[in-house]
């Protein structure tokens, strides 16, 4: 860099090399598109988790390879993990995720069943840089990558729905063609219910749930609402065809929460409604199960209750589980009931694997999400950016329906979780006066 005298008599700097923007413009197009292509591979890999490579010490999944490639390419492009560019809320979330990964790694090192737990340790550690990289992107990159997710979701849903409706092109690894047929059989029968690119219809429903919530928020935005409305119809039908009962309940709760957020109401009434929604959902499910436990809708609930009872009985027999967990295969008593591998409850899962410390970290992450969303609502960011409101409402419902499934614990759920978390933090740098998002509606911010 050198100095020269300008026409106004003042010294100015000259730059002998191209500016960063000019340098980026000279790069080949493929160089700019490669991170987005790899990001698309990450999202796609989260749907095809049956693709694993048998290597020591157990296996490596396709999503891990895709994440490593994406993180590596971003690092080569100079996209480092710069904490200065991130909001404080993002740093806290990253530290919580890192804390969970470190606790899991410590238990893995001292555990006796390390070949099994190592997979989860790798997934947790990969979640941290992936989450941070998503947050270090610009507003345009966030919007572009969200569009990538929506396009992949449309293509994946078309394949899955075509198979579910017509029975064409069934996955070769599926032992039941539809979830309904599996439910009509003995629940004790082991079998794979695959659909389209997804290894399980529940995984399909969990993946489609987020494009559906984004589309619901998009309908409330200004401009091209008919496109978002088509997305609501398409993804809503896809979620119904997945026959994911627990998440259908969650969708009802998410819609109710979204309505409370978007309709002008006193803040205290909205807060009371958001607290009452999960309580009413649990009470309604319990009442229905008590009145008619043999109903088809409650078949899977009865199966889960039996698993939860086994887990609680096992904890009573060995209270040390509360401190350090019991590992991936805690004992023959639970292996026989399948509760050892998956108790179908995210909180009991964390308790069995990581003890109370793991559960507390998970609860801290959830509490942080709730706090971020509430601050955005108070500042009026929710009404200005309905997609942000829809994402937050979906996360609230997801936490409640995690009582019925072990979400946020396996790699495919983690990919979805960190993606939605990054979108939530990226669309609104909450509590710091800086907001990022798609477009604004004409509604005015709420007065604090």
Protein backbone atom coordinates (compact mmCIF):
# COMPACT_ATOMS: atom_id res chain seq x y z
CA UNK A 1 0.00 0.00 0.00
CA UNK A 2 1.33 3.48 -0.92
CA UNK A 3 0.35 7.11 -0.44
CA UNK A 4 -0.40 9.73 -3.10
CA UNK A 5 -1.51 13.37 -3.15
CA UNK A 6 -5.03 13.82 -4.41
CA UNK A 7 -6.55 16.76 -6.30
CA UNK A 8 -7.96 18.13 -3.05
CA UNK A 9 -4.48 18.30 -1.58
CA UNK A 10 -5.06 15.47 0.86
CA UNK A 11 -3.15 12.25 1.17
CA UNK A 12 -4.98 9.14 0.04
CA UNK A 13 -4.15 5.46 0.02
CA UNK A 14 -3.64 3.44 -3.13
CA UNK A 15 -4.10 -0.31 -3.21
CA UNK A 16 -1.69 -2.10 -5.57
CA UNK A 17 -3.71 -5.30 -5.33
CA UNK A 18 -7.37 -5.96 -6.18
CA UNK A 19 -9.90 -5.37 -3.44
CA UNK A 20 -11.52 -8.44 -1.85
CA UNK A 21 -14.68 -7.84 -3.87
CA UNK A 22 -12.74 -7.56 -7.14
CA UNK A 23 -10.71 -10.63 -6.25
CA UNK A 24 -13.89 -12.62 -5.57
CA UNK A 25 -15.38 -11.47 -8.86
CA UNK A 26 -12.37 -12.87 -10.75
CA UNK A 27 -12.72 -16.32 -9.23
CA UNK A 28 -14.23 -19.06 -11.38
CA UNK A 29 -17.96 -19.51 -10.94
CA UNK A 30 -17.53 -23.08 -9.74
CA UNK A 31 -15.33 -21.81 -6.94
CA UNK A 32 -18.17 -19.61 -5.67
CA UNK A 33 -20.80 -22.31 -6.16
CA UNK A 34 -18.84 -25.14 -4.52
CA UNK A 35 -19.74 -24.24 -0.88
CA UNK A 36 -23.42 -24.10 -1.81
CA UNK A 37 -23.14 -27.42 -3.65
CA UNK A 38 -21.53 -29.02 -0.61
CA UNK A 39 -24.14 -27.47 1.67
CA UNK A 40 -26.81 -29.05 -0.53
CA UNK A 41 -24.98 -32.37 -0.12
CA UNK A 42 -25.05 -31.93 3.67
CA UNK A 43 -28.81 -31.40 3.64
CA UNK A 44 -29.34 -34.30 1.25
CA UNK A 45 -27.05 -36.57 3.28
CA UNK A 46 -29.21 -35.99 6.33
CA UNK A 47 -32.06 -37.72 4.50
CA UNK A 48 -30.11 -40.80 3.38
CA UNK A 49 -28.60 -41.90 6.66
CA UNK A 50 -28.72 -45.55 5.70
CA UNK A 51 -25.63 -44.83 3.58
CA UNK A 52 -22.81 -45.67 5.97
CA UNK A 53 -19.25 -46.83 5.46
CA UNK A 54 -18.02 -49.64 7.68
CA UNK A 55 -14.65 -48.47 8.99
CA UNK A 56 -12.90 -48.59 12.33
CA UNK A 57 -14.03 -48.16 15.04
CA UNK A 58 -17.54 -48.75 13.76
CA UNK A 59 -18.92 -46.74 10.88
CA UNK A 60 -18.91 -43.28 9.29
CA UNK A 61 -22.09 -41.86 7.83
CA UNK A 62 -22.46 -39.89 4.63
CA UNK A 63 -23.52 -36.77 6.52
CA UNK A 64 -20.20 -36.72 8.40
CA UNK A 65 -18.23 -36.84 5.15
CA UNK A 66 -20.39 -34.09 3.64
CA UNK A 67 -19.99 -31.87 6.72
CA UNK A 68 -16.21 -32.32 6.74
CA UNK A 69 -15.96 -31.46 3.04
CA UNK A 70 -18.14 -28.37 3.47
CA UNK A 71 -16.24 -27.13 6.54
CA UNK A 72 -12.92 -27.74 4.77
CA UNK A 73 -13.90 -25.86 1.60
CA UNK A 74 -15.22 -22.94 3.64
CA UNK A 75 -11.90 -22.81 5.50
CA UNK A 76 -9.95 -22.82 2.21
CA UNK A 77 -12.13 -19.95 0.99
CA UNK A 78 -11.07 -17.91 3.99
CA UNK A 79 -14.36 -18.38 5.84
CA UNK A 80 -12.90 -18.84 9.28
CA UNK A 81 -14.89 -19.15 12.47
CA UNK A 82 -14.71 -15.48 13.41
CA UNK A 83 -16.48 -14.92 16.74
CA UNK A 84 -16.34 -11.15 16.21
CA UNK A 85 -18.80 -11.45 13.32
CA UNK A 86 -21.31 -13.41 15.35
CA UNK A 87 -23.95 -12.15 17.76
CA UNK A 88 -23.52 -12.93 21.43
CA UNK A 89 -26.52 -15.25 21.28
CA UNK A 90 -24.75 -17.37 18.66
CA UNK A 91 -21.56 -17.58 20.72
CA UNK A 92 -23.53 -18.78 23.73
CA UNK A 93 -25.32 -21.40 21.66
CA UNK A 94 -22.02 -22.60 20.22
CA UNK A 95 -20.51 -22.87 23.70
CA UNK A 96 -23.47 -24.93 24.90
CA UNK A 97 -23.11 -27.30 21.94
CA UNK A 98 -19.37 -27.53 22.55
CA UNK A 99 -19.96 -28.23 26.24
CA UNK A 100 -22.25 -31.12 25.38
CA UNK A 101 -19.65 -32.49 22.95
CA UNK A 102 -16.87 -32.27 25.57
CA UNK A 103 -19.00 -33.99 28.21
CA UNK A 104 -19.87 -36.75 25.75
CA UNK A 105 -16.19 -37.13 24.83
CA UNK A 106 -15.19 -37.46 28.48
CA UNK A 107 -17.78 -40.17 29.05
CA UNK A 108 -16.59 -41.89 25.90
CA UNK A 109 -12.98 -41.91 27.11
CA UNK A 110 -13.82 -43.46 30.48
CA UNK A 111 -16.63 -45.69 29.23
CA UNK A 112 -16.50 -49.39 28.55
CA UNK A 113 -18.61 -49.27 25.39
CA UNK A 114 -16.65 -46.61 23.51
CA UNK A 115 -17.00 -48.16 20.01
CA UNK A 116 -20.72 -47.37 20.17
CA UNK A 117 -20.66 -43.91 21.72
CA UNK A 118 -17.87 -42.63 19.46
CA UNK A 119 -20.34 -42.01 16.63
CA UNK A 120 -22.34 -39.57 18.73
CA UNK A 121 -19.18 -37.80 19.92
CA UNK A 122 -18.14 -37.20 16.32
CA UNK A 123 -21.60 -35.91 15.38
CA UNK A 124 -21.67 -33.52 18.33
CA UNK A 125 -18.22 -32.09 17.57
CA UNK A 126 -19.09 -31.62 13.89
CA UNK A 127 -22.26 -29.78 14.89
CA UNK A 128 -20.31 -26.94 16.50
CA UNK A 129 -18.27 -25.67 13.49
CA UNK A 130 -21.21 -26.32 11.17
CA UNK A 131 -23.45 -24.17 13.36
CA UNK A 132 -20.84 -21.40 13.55
CA UNK A 133 -20.21 -21.43 9.80
CA UNK A 134 -23.90 -21.07 9.08
CA UNK A 135 -23.99 -18.05 11.36
CA UNK A 136 -20.93 -16.41 9.80
CA UNK A 137 -22.66 -16.12 6.42
CA UNK A 138 -24.19 -12.94 5.05
CA UNK A 139 -27.89 -12.21 4.70
CA UNK A 140 -27.80 -13.11 1.00
CA UNK A 141 -26.02 -16.40 1.72
CA UNK A 142 -28.55 -17.31 4.40
CA UNK A 143 -31.43 -16.67 2.00
CA UNK A 144 -29.71 -18.60 -0.79
CA UNK A 145 -29.01 -21.62 1.38
CA UNK A 146 -32.53 -21.60 2.73
CA UNK A 147 -33.69 -21.72 -0.89
CA UNK A 148 -31.41 -24.73 -1.39
CA UNK A 149 -33.09 -26.49 1.53
CA UNK A 150 -36.54 -25.79 0.10
CA UNK A 151 -35.59 -27.07 -3.37
CA UNK A 152 -34.12 -30.27 -1.90
CA UNK A 153 -37.22 -30.71 0.25
CA UNK A 154 -39.50 -30.41 -2.79
CA UNK A 155 -37.53 -32.98 -4.78
CA UNK A 156 -37.24 -35.39 -1.86
CA UNK A 157 -40.95 -35.05 -1.05
CA UNK A 158 -41.94 -35.73 -4.65
CA UNK A 159 -40.04 -39.02 -4.62
CA UNK A 160 -41.37 -40.04 -1.20
CA UNK A 161 -44.98 -39.07 -1.95
CA UNK A 162 -44.92 -40.87 -5.29
CA UNK A 163 -43.78 -44.02 -3.57
CA UNK A 164 -46.24 -43.67 -0.71
CA UNK A 165 -49.27 -43.03 -2.93
CA UNK A 166 -48.56 -45.36 -5.86
CA UNK A 167 -46.24 -47.92 -4.30
CA UNK A 168 -43.77 -47.40 -7.15
CA UNK A 169 -39.99 -47.60 -6.67
CA UNK A 170 -39.96 -49.02 -3.13
CA UNK A 171 -36.56 -48.78 -1.39
CA UNK A 172 -34.82 -52.16 -1.54
CA UNK A 173 -34.04 -52.05 2.19
CA UNK A 174 -37.66 -51.48 3.29
CA UNK A 175 -39.42 -54.42 4.93
CA UNK A 176 -42.77 -52.62 5.15
CA UNK A 177 -44.10 -50.57 2.26
CA UNK A 178 -45.94 -48.07 4.47
CA UNK A 179 -45.96 -47.10 8.12
CA UNK A 180 -49.63 -48.02 8.33
CA UNK A 181 -48.82 -51.62 7.45
CA UNK A 182 -46.08 -51.70 10.05
CA UNK A 183 -48.45 -50.34 12.70
CA UNK A 184 -51.09 -52.93 11.77
CA UNK A 185 -48.55 -55.68 12.45
CA UNK A 186 -47.13 -56.64 15.81
CA UNK A 187 -45.15 -53.68 17.14
CA UNK A 188 -42.57 -56.10 18.50
CA UNK A 189 -41.67 -57.12 14.95
CA UNK A 190 -38.37 -55.65 13.84
CA UNK A 191 -38.61 -54.00 10.46
CA UNK A 192 -37.53 -51.00 8.43
CA UNK A 193 -40.17 -48.55 7.25
CA UNK A 194 -38.29 -46.61 4.59
CA UNK A 195 -39.80 -44.07 2.22
CA UNK A 196 -38.14 -42.40 -0.74
CA UNK A 197 -34.64 -41.24 0.17
CA UNK A 198 -35.37 -41.51 3.88
CA UNK A 199 -34.55 -44.48 6.05
CA UNK A 200 -37.77 -44.10 8.04
CA UNK A 201 -41.09 -42.36 7.52
CA UNK A 202 -40.62 -40.48 10.80
CA UNK A 203 -37.35 -39.07 9.48
CA UNK A 204 -39.22 -37.98 6.37
CA UNK A 205 -41.89 -36.25 8.45
CA UNK A 206 -39.29 -34.54 10.63
CA UNK A 207 -37.48 -33.23 7.56
CA UNK A 208 -40.63 -31.95 5.84
CA UNK A 209 -41.91 -30.27 9.01
CA UNK A 210 -39.42 -27.39 8.64
CA UNK A 211 -40.14 -26.47 4.99
CA UNK A 212 -43.80 -26.54 6.00
CA UNK A 213 -43.24 -24.09 8.87
CA UNK A 214 -41.14 -21.83 6.63
CA UNK A 215 -43.93 -21.85 4.03
CA UNK A 216 -46.51 -21.00 6.70
CA UNK A 217 -44.41 -18.00 7.70
CA UNK A 218 -43.93 -17.04 4.05
CA UNK A 219 -47.70 -16.80 3.50
CA UNK A 220 -47.76 -13.93 6.01
CA UNK A 221 -45.08 -12.01 4.13
CA UNK A 222 -45.64 -9.40 1.49
CA UNK A 223 -45.32 -10.57 -2.11
CA UNK A 224 -45.75 -13.94 -3.89
CA UNK A 225 -47.96 -15.34 -1.20
CA UNK A 226 -49.51 -17.80 -3.65
CA UNK A 227 -46.12 -19.53 -4.03
CA UNK A 228 -45.83 -19.92 -0.27
CA UNK A 229 -49.45 -21.12 -0.13
CA UNK A 230 -48.63 -23.86 -2.64
CA UNK A 231 -45.73 -24.83 -0.39
CA UNK A 232 -48.07 -25.07 2.61
CA UNK A 233 -50.44 -27.37 0.71
CA UNK A 234 -47.65 -29.55 -0.72
CA UNK A 235 -45.56 -29.92 2.44
CA UNK A 236 -48.69 -30.26 4.59
CA UNK A 237 -49.89 -33.17 2.46
CA UNK A 238 -46.40 -34.68 2.60
CA UNK A 239 -46.35 -34.50 6.40
CA UNK A 240 -49.76 -36.18 6.52
CA UNK A 241 -48.59 -38.95 4.18
CA UNK A 242 -45.58 -39.58 6.43
CA UNK A 243 -48.08 -40.69 9.10
CA UNK A 244 -45.89 -39.17 11.79
CA UNK A 245 -48.54 -38.89 14.50
CA UNK A 246 -46.40 -37.21 17.12
CA UNK A 247 -45.34 -34.47 14.75
CA UNK A 248 -48.91 -33.99 13.51
CA UNK A 249 -49.72 -33.12 17.12
CA UNK A 250 -46.68 -30.86 17.12
CA UNK A 251 -47.91 -29.12 13.97
CA UNK A 252 -51.15 -28.27 15.75
CA UNK A 253 -49.21 -26.79 18.65
CA UNK A 254 -46.88 -24.88 16.29
CA UNK A 255 -49.83 -23.37 14.41
CA UNK A 256 -51.45 -22.30 17.67
CA UNK A 257 -48.19 -20.74 18.89
CA UNK A 258 -47.67 -19.00 15.54
CA UNK A 259 -51.19 -17.55 15.71
CA UNK A 260 -50.58 -16.22 19.22
CA UNK A 261 -47.38 -14.55 18.07
CA UNK A 262 -48.77 -12.94 14.92
CA UNK A 263 -52.16 -11.74 16.24
CA UNK A 264 -51.93 -8.42 18.15
CA UNK A 265 -52.54 -9.43 21.76
CA UNK A 266 -51.24 -8.27 25.16
CA UNK A 267 -47.84 -9.76 25.87
CA UNK A 268 -48.95 -11.35 29.12
CA UNK A 269 -51.77 -13.16 27.33
CA UNK A 270 -49.35 -14.42 24.66
CA UNK A 271 -46.90 -15.61 27.32
CA UNK A 272 -49.68 -17.41 29.19
CA UNK A 273 -50.89 -19.02 25.97
CA UNK A 274 -47.42 -20.25 25.02
CA UNK A 275 -46.99 -21.80 28.47
CA UNK A 276 -50.46 -23.37 28.37
CA UNK A 277 -50.09 -24.94 24.91
CA UNK A 278 -47.66 -27.76 25.83
CA UNK A 279 -49.53 -28.41 29.08
CA UNK A 280 -52.83 -28.74 27.22
CA UNK A 281 -51.20 -30.96 24.61
CA UNK A 282 -49.84 -33.36 27.24
CA UNK A 283 -53.13 -33.37 29.17
CA UNK A 284 -55.20 -34.03 26.04
CA UNK A 285 -52.96 -36.92 25.00
CA UNK A 286 -53.03 -38.40 28.51
CA UNK A 287 -56.80 -38.08 28.73
CA UNK A 288 -57.32 -39.70 25.35
CA UNK A 289 -54.99 -42.54 26.25
CA UNK A 290 -56.78 -43.09 29.58
CA UNK A 291 -60.23 -43.14 27.97
CA UNK A 292 -59.40 -45.34 25.00
CA UNK A 293 -55.90 -46.82 25.17
CA UNK A 294 -56.69 -49.36 22.45
CA UNK A 295 -57.36 -46.68 19.83
CA UNK A 296 -55.08 -46.81 16.81
CA UNK A 297 -53.81 -43.31 17.49
CA UNK A 298 -52.47 -44.36 20.91
CA UNK A 299 -50.79 -47.60 19.85
CA UNK A 300 -47.37 -46.03 19.59
CA UNK A 301 -47.95 -44.03 22.79
CA UNK A 302 -48.58 -47.26 24.70
CA UNK A 303 -45.38 -48.69 23.25
CA UNK A 304 -43.44 -45.64 24.42
CA UNK A 305 -44.93 -45.67 27.91
CA UNK A 306 -43.69 -49.23 28.36
CA UNK A 307 -40.19 -48.14 27.30
CA UNK A 308 -40.22 -45.20 29.71
CA UNK A 309 -41.24 -47.46 32.59
CA UNK A 310 -38.35 -49.80 31.79
CA UNK A 311 -35.92 -46.87 31.78
CA UNK A 312 -37.16 -45.52 35.11
CA UNK A 313 -37.00 -48.98 36.70
CA UNK A 314 -33.45 -49.38 35.47
CA UNK A 315 -32.46 -46.01 36.93
CA UNK A 316 -33.93 -47.03 40.29
CA UNK A 317 -31.74 -50.13 40.25
CA UNK A 318 -28.60 -48.06 39.59
CA UNK A 319 -28.85 -44.40 40.73
CA UNK A 320 -25.31 -43.69 39.44
CA UNK A 321 -26.89 -43.43 36.00
CA UNK A 322 -28.09 -39.97 37.06
CA UNK A 323 -24.48 -38.83 37.32
CA UNK A 324 -22.80 -40.42 34.31
CA UNK A 325 -25.44 -42.20 32.27
CA UNK A 326 -25.34 -45.85 31.33
CA UNK A 327 -23.76 -45.90 27.89
CA UNK A 328 -25.27 -46.88 24.60
CA UNK A 329 -26.00 -50.46 25.69
CA UNK A 330 -26.83 -50.13 29.39
CA UNK A 331 -27.73 -53.74 30.06
CA UNK A 332 -29.69 -56.80 28.96
CA UNK A 333 -32.85 -55.72 30.77
CA UNK A 334 -33.18 -52.64 28.58
CA UNK A 335 -31.83 -54.25 25.43
CA UNK A 336 -34.72 -56.69 25.49
CA UNK A 337 -37.23 -53.83 25.51
CA UNK A 338 -35.30 -51.68 22.98
CA UNK A 339 -35.19 -48.86 25.52
CA UNK A 340 -31.43 -49.08 25.85
CA UNK A 341 -30.84 -47.96 22.28
CA UNK A 342 -33.82 -45.62 21.93
CA UNK A 343 -36.36 -44.93 24.69
CA UNK A 344 -38.32 -42.71 22.25
CA UNK A 345 -37.91 -39.70 24.52
CA UNK A 346 -35.12 -37.16 23.97
CA UNK A 347 -34.81 -36.32 27.65
CA UNK A 348 -34.69 -39.93 28.87
CA UNK A 349 -32.26 -40.66 26.06
CA UNK A 350 -29.92 -37.91 27.24
CA UNK A 351 -30.33 -39.10 30.82
CA UNK A 352 -29.42 -42.69 29.94
CA UNK A 353 -26.43 -41.67 27.82
CA UNK A 354 -25.02 -38.60 29.57
CA UNK A 355 -26.68 -38.47 32.98
CA UNK A 356 -28.14 -35.31 34.48
CA UNK A 357 -25.31 -33.06 33.15
CA UNK A 358 -26.28 -33.94 29.58
CA UNK A 359 -29.95 -33.26 30.29
CA UNK A 360 -29.11 -29.92 31.92
CA UNK A 361 -27.07 -28.82 28.88
CA UNK A 362 -29.96 -29.80 26.61
CA UNK A 363 -32.37 -27.85 28.81
CA UNK A 364 -30.01 -24.85 28.71
CA UNK A 365 -30.04 -24.93 24.90
CA UNK A 366 -33.82 -25.09 24.91
CA UNK A 367 -34.09 -22.28 27.43
CA UNK A 368 -31.77 -20.14 25.33
CA UNK A 369 -33.95 -20.74 22.26
CA UNK A 370 -37.06 -19.73 24.18
CA UNK A 371 -35.36 -16.58 25.49
CA UNK A 372 -34.06 -15.55 22.06
CA UNK A 373 -37.48 -15.93 20.50
CA UNK A 374 -39.23 -14.04 23.28
CA UNK A 375 -36.80 -11.13 22.98
CA UNK A 376 -37.46 -11.01 19.25
CA UNK A 377 -41.20 -11.00 19.90
CA UNK A 378 -40.93 -8.15 22.42
CA UNK A 379 -38.90 -6.08 19.95
CA UNK A 380 -41.45 -6.68 17.18
CA UNK A 381 -39.11 -8.77 15.00
CA UNK A 382 -41.60 -11.63 14.88
CA UNK A 383 -44.40 -9.62 13.31
CA UNK A 384 -41.99 -8.04 10.84
CA UNK A 385 -40.48 -11.39 9.84
CA UNK A 386 -43.12 -14.12 9.96
CA UNK A 387 -40.62 -16.80 8.88
CA UNK A 388 -38.68 -16.11 12.08
CA UNK A 389 -41.91 -16.50 14.06
CA UNK A 390 -42.73 -19.77 12.27
CA UNK A 391 -39.27 -21.19 12.97
CA UNK A 392 -39.52 -20.32 16.64
CA UNK A 393 -43.03 -21.76 16.95
CA UNK A 394 -41.81 -24.94 15.25
CA UNK A 395 -38.90 -25.25 17.67
CA UNK A 396 -41.22 -24.85 20.65
CA UNK A 397 -43.41 -27.64 19.32
CA UNK A 398 -40.36 -29.76 18.51
CA UNK A 399 -39.15 -29.56 22.11
CA UNK A 400 -42.55 -30.71 23.38
CA UNK A 401 -42.95 -33.55 20.89
CA UNK A 402 -39.42 -34.69 21.80
CA UNK A 403 -41.21 -36.29 24.73
CA UNK A 404 -42.28 -38.91 22.17
CA UNK A 405 -39.05 -39.27 20.17
CA UNK A 406 -35.30 -39.11 20.75
CA UNK A 407 -34.71 -36.04 18.64
CA UNK A 408 -31.55 -33.92 18.74
CA UNK A 409 -29.54 -37.05 19.49
CA UNK A 410 -28.62 -38.71 16.19
CA UNK A 411 -26.77 -37.22 13.26
CA UNK A 412 -29.72 -36.59 10.97
CA UNK A 413 -31.69 -34.82 13.68
CA UNK A 414 -28.62 -32.78 14.59
CA UNK A 415 -28.18 -31.57 11.03
CA UNK A 416 -31.77 -30.36 10.97
CA UNK A 417 -31.45 -28.89 14.46
CA UNK A 418 -28.29 -26.87 13.78
CA UNK A 419 -29.74 -25.67 10.46
CA UNK A 420 -32.92 -24.36 12.09
CA UNK A 421 -30.97 -22.91 15.01
CA UNK A 422 -28.66 -21.06 12.63
CA UNK A 423 -31.63 -19.71 10.70
CA UNK A 424 -33.25 -18.56 13.92
CA UNK A 425 -30.11 -16.74 15.08
CA UNK A 426 -29.22 -15.51 11.60
CA UNK A 427 -32.61 -13.98 10.80
CA UNK A 428 -32.49 -11.95 13.97
CA UNK A 429 -29.34 -11.09 15.90
CA UNK A 430 -31.47 -11.16 18.97
CA UNK A 431 -30.99 -8.74 21.81
CA UNK A 432 -28.30 -6.75 20.01
CA UNK A 433 -30.30 -4.37 17.83
CA UNK A 434 -29.20 -5.93 14.55
CA UNK A 435 -31.66 -7.95 12.54
CA UNK A 436 -31.30 -10.07 9.45
CA UNK A 437 -34.12 -11.47 7.38
CA UNK A 438 -35.95 -11.86 4.09
CA UNK A 439 -38.48 -9.09 3.84
CA UNK A 440 -40.61 -6.91 6.02
CA UNK A 441 -44.34 -6.78 6.32
CA UNK A 442 -46.21 -3.55 6.81
CA UNK A 443 -46.96 -4.23 10.46
CA UNK A 444 -45.33 -1.89 12.94
CA UNK A 445 -43.01 -3.06 15.70
CA UNK A 446 -44.50 -3.61 19.11
CA UNK A 447 -43.79 -1.04 21.76
CA UNK A 448 -41.78 -2.29 24.70
